[in-house]
C-alpha atoms as a PDB file:
ATOM      1  CA  UNK A   1      17.182-124.816   1.005  1.00  0.00           C
ATOM      2  CA  UNK A   2      17.356-128.508  -0.409  1.00  0.00           C
ATOM      3  CA  UNK A   3      16.282-129.350  -3.151  1.00  0.00           C
ATOM      4  CA  UNK A   4      15.474-132.497  -5.017  1.00  0.00           C
ATOM      5  CA  UNK A   5      19.005-133.334  -5.644  1.00  0.00           C
ATOM      6  CA  UNK A   6      20.254-132.948  -2.172  1.00  0.00           C
ATOM      7  CA  UNK A   7      22.251-129.697  -2.809  1.00  0.00           C
ATOM      8  CA  UNK A   8      21.441-126.920  -0.839  1.00  0.00           C
ATOM      9  CA  UNK A   9      20.726-123.778  -3.195  1.00  0.00           C
ATOM     10  CA  UNK A  10      20.063-120.249  -2.062  1.00  0.00           C
ATOM     11  CA  UNK A  11      17.207-118.573  -2.913  1.00  0.00           C
ATOM     12  CA  UNK A  12      17.179-114.956  -3.651  1.00  0.00           C
ATOM     13  CA  UNK A  13      14.646-112.853  -4.331  1.00  0.00           C
ATOM     14  CA  UNK A  14      15.045-111.217  -7.691  1.00  0.00           C
ATOM     15  CA  UNK A  15      13.586-107.288  -7.837  1.00  0.00           C
ATOM     16  CA  UNK A  16      13.767-107.242 -11.407  1.00  0.00           C
ATOM     17  CA  UNK A  17      10.631-105.834 -13.850  1.00  0.00           C
ATOM     18  CA  UNK A  18       9.940-107.755 -16.376  1.00  0.00           C
ATOM     19  CA  UNK A  19      11.416-107.714 -19.817  1.00  0.00           C
ATOM     20  CA  UNK A  20       8.841-109.023 -21.980  1.00  0.00           C
ATOM     21  CA  UNK A  21       6.703-105.814 -23.210  1.00  0.00           C
ATOM     22  CA  UNK A  22       3.646-105.986 -24.937  1.00  0.00           C
ATOM     23  CA  UNK A  23       2.135-103.339 -26.833  1.00  0.00           C
ATOM     24  CA  UNK A  24      -1.811-103.602 -27.869  1.00  0.00           C
ATOM     25  CA  UNK A  25      -3.163-102.535 -30.956  1.00  0.00           C
ATOM     26  CA  UNK A  26      -3.806 -99.607 -32.634  1.00  0.00           C
ATOM     27  CA  UNK A  27      -1.012 -98.896 -30.402  1.00  0.00           C
ATOM     28  CA  UNK A  28       3.088 -97.554 -31.447  1.00  0.00           C
ATOM     29  CA  UNK A  29       5.935 -97.490 -29.148  1.00  0.00           C
ATOM     30  CA  UNK A  30       9.025 -95.102 -28.969  1.00  0.00           C
ATOM     31  CA  UNK A  31      11.657 -97.854 -27.835  1.00  0.00           C
ATOM     32  CA  UNK A  32      14.363 -95.267 -26.169  1.00  0.00           C
ATOM     33  CA  UNK A  33      17.743 -97.394 -24.463  1.00  0.00           C
ATOM     34  CA  UNK A  34      19.330 -94.432 -21.791  1.00  0.00           C
ATOM     35  CA  UNK A  35      17.128 -92.028 -23.137  1.00  0.00           C
ATOM     36  CA  UNK A  36      18.344 -92.782 -26.841  1.00  0.00           C
ATOM     37  CA  UNK A  37      16.286 -93.268 -29.701  1.00  0.00           C
ATOM     38  CA  UNK A  38      16.660 -97.071 -30.916  1.00  0.00           C
ATOM     39  CA  UNK A  39      12.994 -98.172 -33.010  1.00  0.00           C
ATOM     40  CA  UNK A  40       9.719 -97.953 -33.672  1.00  0.00           C
ATOM     41  CA  UNK A  41       7.989-100.670 -31.961  1.00  0.00           C
ATOM     42  CA  UNK A  42       4.172-102.464 -33.377  1.00  0.00           C
ATOM     43  CA  UNK A  43       1.633-103.961 -31.337  1.00  0.00           C
ATOM     44  CA  UNK A  44       2.840-107.362 -30.062  1.00  0.00           C
ATOM     45  CA  UNK A  45       4.732-108.881 -28.086  1.00  0.00           C
ATOM     46  CA  UNK A  46       8.510-107.242 -27.395  1.00  0.00           C
ATOM     47  CA  UNK A  47      12.682-108.203 -25.539  1.00  0.00           C
ATOM     48  CA  UNK A  48      13.542-104.559 -23.903  1.00  0.00           C
ATOM     49  CA  UNK A  49      15.933-104.843 -21.289  1.00  0.00           C
ATOM     50  CA  UNK A  50      13.589-103.054 -18.274  1.00  0.00           C
ATOM     51  CA  UNK A  51      17.362-102.237 -16.877  1.00  0.00           C
ATOM     52  CA  UNK A  52      18.472 -99.897 -19.263  1.00  0.00           C
ATOM     53  CA  UNK A  53      15.634 -99.535 -22.225  1.00  0.00           C
ATOM     54  CA  UNK A  54      12.070 -98.563 -22.046  1.00  0.00           C
ATOM     55  CA  UNK A  55       9.426 -97.743 -24.630  1.00  0.00           C
ATOM     56  CA  UNK A  56       6.836 -93.958 -25.128  1.00  0.00           C
ATOM     57  CA  UNK A  57       3.482 -95.887 -26.598  1.00  0.00           C
ATOM     58  CA  UNK A  58       1.848 -93.281 -28.915  1.00  0.00           C
ATOM     59  CA  UNK A  59      -2.129 -94.255 -29.291  1.00  0.00           C
ATOM     60  CA  UNK A  60      -2.558 -93.661 -33.373  1.00  0.00           C
ATOM     61  CA  UNK A  61      -6.563 -93.886 -32.523  1.00  0.00           C
ATOM     62  CA  UNK A  62      -8.355 -90.699 -34.098  1.00  0.00           C
ATOM     63  CA  UNK A  63      -9.354 -88.372 -31.344  1.00  0.00           C
ATOM     64  CA  UNK A  64     -11.756 -85.671 -31.261  1.00  0.00           C
ATOM     65  CA  UNK A  65     -12.588 -82.068 -28.957  1.00  0.00           C
ATOM     66  CA  UNK A  66     -14.091 -79.177 -29.698  1.00  0.00           C
ATOM     67  CA  UNK A  67     -12.989 -76.051 -29.389  1.00  0.00           C
ATOM     68  CA  UNK A  68     -14.946 -73.324 -27.019  1.00  0.00           C
ATOM     69  CA  UNK A  69     -16.897 -70.694 -29.321  1.00  0.00           C
ATOM     70  CA  UNK A  70     -14.308 -67.432 -30.725  1.00  0.00           C
ATOM     71  CA  UNK A  71     -15.271 -64.784 -31.420  1.00  0.00           C
ATOM     72  CA  UNK A  72     -14.505 -63.248 -34.857  1.00  0.00           C
ATOM     73  CA  UNK A  73     -15.122 -61.162 -37.746  1.00  0.00           C
ATOM     74  CA  UNK A  74     -16.302 -61.831 -40.816  1.00  0.00           C
ATOM     75  CA  UNK A  75     -14.378 -59.121 -43.762  1.00  0.00           C
ATOM     76  CA  UNK A  76     -18.259 -57.169 -44.052  1.00  0.00           C
ATOM     77  CA  UNK A  77     -17.744 -56.048 -39.574  1.00  0.00           C
ATOM     78  CA  UNK A  78     -19.755 -59.442 -38.879  1.00  0.00           C
ATOM     79  CA  UNK A  79     -18.642 -59.971 -35.479  1.00  0.00           C
ATOM     80  CA  UNK A  80     -19.643 -63.694 -34.454  1.00  0.00           C
ATOM     81  CA  UNK A  81     -18.911 -66.787 -32.457  1.00  0.00           C
ATOM     82  CA  UNK A  82     -18.062 -69.224 -33.746  1.00  0.00           C
ATOM     83  CA  UNK A  83     -17.666 -73.425 -32.016  1.00  0.00           C
ATOM     84  CA  UNK A  84     -16.035 -76.006 -33.816  1.00  0.00           C
ATOM     85  CA  UNK A  85     -15.112 -79.116 -33.970  1.00  0.00           C
ATOM     86  CA  UNK A  86     -12.014 -81.402 -34.812  1.00  0.00           C
ATOM     87  CA  UNK A  87     -10.284 -84.865 -35.226  1.00  0.00           C
ATOM     88  CA  UNK A  88      -6.865 -86.101 -35.335  1.00  0.00           C
ATOM     89  CA  UNK A  89      -4.465 -88.569 -34.797  1.00  0.00           C
ATOM     90  CA  UNK A  90      -0.556 -89.470 -34.444  1.00  0.00           C
ATOM     91  CA  UNK A  91       0.912 -90.783 -37.670  1.00  0.00           C
ATOM     92  CA  UNK A  92       4.298 -89.809 -37.018  1.00  0.00           C
ATOM     93  CA  UNK A  93       5.280 -91.593 -33.009  1.00  0.00           C
ATOM     94  CA  UNK A  94       8.837 -90.093 -33.157  1.00  0.00           C
ATOM     95  CA  UNK A  95       8.281 -86.725 -34.590  1.00  0.00           C
ATOM     96  CA  UNK A  96       5.808 -86.067 -31.972  1.00  0.00           C
ATOM     97  CA  UNK A  97       8.121 -87.329 -28.606  1.00  0.00           C
ATOM     98  CA  UNK A  98      10.232 -85.462 -29.760  1.00  0.00           C
ATOM     99  CA  UNK A  99       9.354 -82.842 -31.075  1.00  0.00           C
ATOM    100  CA  UNK A 100       6.060 -81.965 -29.224  1.00  0.00           C
ATOM    101  CA  UNK A 101       5.426 -84.786 -26.183  1.00  0.00           C
ATOM    102  CA  UNK A 102       3.691 -87.024 -26.144  1.00  0.00           C
ATOM    103  CA  UNK A 103       1.105 -85.742 -23.808  1.00  0.00           C
ATOM    104  CA  UNK A 104      -2.944 -85.255 -24.474  1.00  0.00           C
ATOM    105  CA  UNK A 105      -3.138 -82.235 -22.575  1.00  0.00           C
ATOM    106  CA  UNK A 106      -1.003 -80.492 -24.746  1.00  0.00           C
ATOM    107  CA  UNK A 107      -1.542 -82.024 -28.452  1.00  0.00           C
ATOM    108  CA  UNK A 108      -4.407 -80.591 -27.510  1.00  0.00           C
ATOM    109  CA  UNK A 109      -3.356 -77.014 -26.768  1.00  0.00           C
ATOM    110  CA  UNK A 110      -0.927 -77.136 -29.402  1.00  0.00           C
ATOM    111  CA  UNK A 111      -3.952 -77.433 -31.812  1.00  0.00           C
ATOM    112  CA  UNK A 112      -6.664 -75.522 -30.391  1.00  0.00           C
ATOM    113  CA  UNK A 113      -3.957 -71.506 -30.570  1.00  0.00           C
ATOM    114  CA  UNK A 114      -3.333 -72.945 -33.807  1.00  0.00           C
ATOM    115  CA  UNK A 115      -7.026 -73.404 -35.337  1.00  0.00           C
ATOM    116  CA  UNK A 116      -7.863 -70.142 -33.021  1.00  0.00           C
ATOM    117  CA  UNK A 117      -5.696 -67.851 -35.149  1.00  0.00           C
ATOM    118  CA  UNK A 118      -7.015 -70.257 -38.958  1.00  0.00           C
ATOM    119  CA  UNK A 119     -10.567 -69.092 -38.165  1.00  0.00           C
ATOM    120  CA  UNK A 120      -9.783 -65.305 -37.208  1.00  0.00           C
ATOM    121  CA  UNK A 121      -8.067 -65.179 -40.628  1.00  0.00           C
ATOM    122  CA  UNK A 122      -9.845 -67.868 -42.584  1.00  0.00           C
ATOM    123  CA  UNK A 123     -13.171 -66.457 -41.727  1.00  0.00           C
ATOM    124  CA  UNK A 124     -11.823 -62.990 -41.485  1.00  0.00           C
ATOM    125  CA  UNK A 125     -11.476 -63.315 -45.984  1.00  0.00           C
ATOM    126  CA  UNK A 126     -15.086 -63.931 -45.964  1.00  0.00           C
ATOM    127  CA  UNK A 127     -18.243 -61.369 -46.142  1.00  0.00           C
ATOM    128  CA  UNK A 128     -21.261 -63.245 -43.792  1.00  0.00           C
ATOM    129  CA  UNK A 129     -23.190 -64.332 -46.774  1.00  0.00           C
ATOM    130  CA  UNK A 130     -19.808 -66.236 -47.854  1.00  0.00           C
ATOM    131  CA  UNK A 131     -19.641 -68.115 -44.927  1.00  0.00           C
ATOM    132  CA  UNK A 132     -23.824 -68.996 -44.378  1.00  0.00           C
ATOM    133  CA  UNK A 133     -23.699 -70.045 -48.538  1.00  0.00           C
ATOM    134  CA  UNK A 134     -20.521 -72.268 -47.943  1.00  0.00           C
ATOM    135  CA  UNK A 135     -19.911 -73.414 -44.757  1.00  0.00           C
ATOM    136  CA  UNK A 136     -18.572 -76.801 -45.805  1.00  0.00           C
ATOM    137  CA  UNK A 137     -15.224 -75.400 -48.009  1.00  0.00           C
ATOM    138  CA  UNK A 138     -14.644 -72.327 -45.557  1.00  0.00           C
ATOM    139  CA  UNK A 139     -14.477 -75.974 -44.011  1.00  0.00           C
ATOM    140  CA  UNK A 140     -11.895 -77.286 -45.198  1.00  0.00           C
ATOM    141  CA  UNK A 141      -9.803 -74.173 -45.819  1.00  0.00           C
ATOM    142  CA  UNK A 142     -10.081 -74.626 -42.260  1.00  0.00           C
ATOM    143  CA  UNK A 143      -8.640 -78.001 -42.606  1.00  0.00           C
ATOM    144  CA  UNK A 144      -6.452 -77.407 -44.581  1.00  0.00           C
ATOM    145  CA  UNK A 145      -4.136 -74.456 -42.820  1.00  0.00           C
ATOM    146  CA  UNK A 146      -3.483 -76.222 -39.264  1.00  0.00           C
ATOM    147  CA  UNK A 147      -3.120 -79.931 -40.721  1.00  0.00           C
ATOM    148  CA  UNK A 148      -0.435 -77.228 -43.286  1.00  0.00           C
ATOM    149  CA  UNK A 149       0.568 -76.429 -39.763  1.00  0.00           C
ATOM    150  CA  UNK A 150       0.568 -79.164 -37.558  1.00  0.00           C
ATOM    151  CA  UNK A 151       1.858 -82.712 -39.801  1.00  0.00           C
ATOM    152  CA  UNK A 152       5.692 -81.836 -38.912  1.00  0.00           C
ATOM    153  CA  UNK A 153       4.800 -82.294 -35.433  1.00  0.00           C
ATOM    154  CA  UNK A 154       3.557 -85.836 -36.659  1.00  0.00           C
ATOM    155  CA  UNK A 155      -0.411 -85.299 -36.904  1.00  0.00           C
ATOM    156  CA  UNK A 156      -3.199 -85.181 -38.522  1.00  0.00           C
ATOM    157  CA  UNK A 157      -6.085 -83.767 -38.725  1.00  0.00           C
ATOM    158  CA  UNK A 158      -8.645 -85.906 -40.594  1.00  0.00           C
ATOM    159  CA  UNK A 159     -11.581 -82.877 -40.464  1.00  0.00           C
ATOM    160  CA  UNK A 160     -12.253 -79.965 -38.437  1.00  0.00           C
ATOM    161  CA  UNK A 161     -16.652 -79.353 -38.766  1.00  0.00           C
ATOM    162  CA  UNK A 162     -17.818 -76.001 -38.001  1.00  0.00           C
ATOM    163  CA  UNK A 163     -20.883 -76.548 -36.203  1.00  0.00           C
ATOM    164  CA  UNK A 164     -24.163 -74.517 -36.995  1.00  0.00           C
ATOM    165  CA  UNK A 165     -25.670 -72.786 -33.564  1.00  0.00           C
ATOM    166  CA  UNK A 166     -23.261 -69.818 -34.365  1.00  0.00           C
ATOM    167  CA  UNK A 167     -24.343 -66.369 -32.513  1.00  0.00           C
ATOM    168  CA  UNK A 168     -23.315 -63.448 -34.113  1.00  0.00           C
ATOM    169  CA  UNK A 169     -23.119 -59.950 -33.274  1.00  0.00           C
ATOM    170  CA  UNK A 170     -23.703 -56.689 -34.965  1.00  0.00           C
ATOM    171  CA  UNK A 171     -21.849 -54.112 -34.951  1.00  0.00           C
ATOM    172  CA  UNK A 172     -22.154 -52.624 -38.994  1.00  0.00           C
ATOM    173  CA  UNK A 173     -24.316 -49.068 -39.145  1.00  0.00           C
ATOM    174  CA  UNK A 174     -27.010 -51.030 -40.902  1.00  0.00           C
ATOM    175  CA  UNK A 175     -29.518 -53.330 -37.933  1.00  0.00           C
ATOM    176  CA  UNK A 176     -31.683 -54.100 -40.613  1.00  0.00           C
ATOM    177  CA  UNK A 177     -29.954 -54.876 -43.832  1.00  0.00           C
ATOM    178  CA  UNK A 178     -28.577 -57.543 -41.705  1.00  0.00           C
ATOM    179  CA  UNK A 179     -31.678 -58.699 -39.955  1.00  0.00           C
ATOM    180  CA  UNK A 180     -33.250 -59.112 -43.348  1.00  0.00           C
ATOM    181  CA  UNK A 181     -29.699 -60.550 -44.352  1.00  0.00           C
ATOM    182  CA  UNK A 182     -31.179 -63.631 -42.145  1.00  0.00           C
ATOM    183  CA  UNK A 183     -34.207 -63.961 -42.022  1.00  0.00           C
ATOM    184  CA  UNK A 184     -33.304 -64.603 -46.067  1.00  0.00           C
ATOM    185  CA  UNK A 185     -31.005 -67.337 -45.403  1.00  0.00           C
ATOM    186  CA  UNK A 186     -33.511 -68.449 -42.731  1.00  0.00           C
ATOM    187  CA  UNK A 187     -30.511 -68.268 -40.284  1.00  0.00           C
ATOM    188  CA  UNK A 188     -32.355 -69.159 -36.659  1.00  0.00           C
ATOM    189  CA  UNK A 189     -29.240 -68.823 -34.267  1.00  0.00           C
ATOM    190  CA  UNK A 190     -28.548 -65.500 -34.070  1.00  0.00           C
ATOM    191  CA  UNK A 191     -28.401 -63.032 -31.263  1.00  0.00           C
ATOM    192  CA  UNK A 192     -28.393 -59.805 -32.297  1.00  0.00           C
ATOM    193  CA  UNK A 193     -26.527 -57.354 -30.336  1.00  0.00           C
ATOM    194  CA  UNK A 194     -26.024 -53.672 -31.224  1.00  0.00           C
ATOM    195  CA  UNK A 195     -23.309 -52.399 -30.616  1.00  0.00           C
END
């Protein structure tokens, strides 16, 4: 083609990617070059070599998910199913990407298994009555247990909430005492099944 200066210039079609990379608010980017870590990118506009570099975005917002009812046994041999809700967020993109994986499904599966283990441990150290009377305290113990384990993976547990709709299975040798305790504490969400 002929330009305004009447000089012939060949026209090439450029297939290169845009070197301008934008990271939105509430996210951080792990900047890599040929798979090697370079730096953490903050929200804003950045120049990235599309031929050799890439950016893995990490969402820093709080996420929440519920755990399916888990069967646990108290110190006085009362079997119960408890539902919990976990609030978590990423705090260290480097550790999350290179120690775990920046995948929501895998992160939640990782937290779920730890939460189930912590739930069985914490509930097993307390009686049925202690659980009903000090639910907030036990939830805090559960939260601290999970928080300590997931911290090295770049995650932070903001809260572990124990829901109130529990389902109990009576396994002790005194069903009458079990019912009496439930009535005295006005515990309504009880499903009796004598084994």
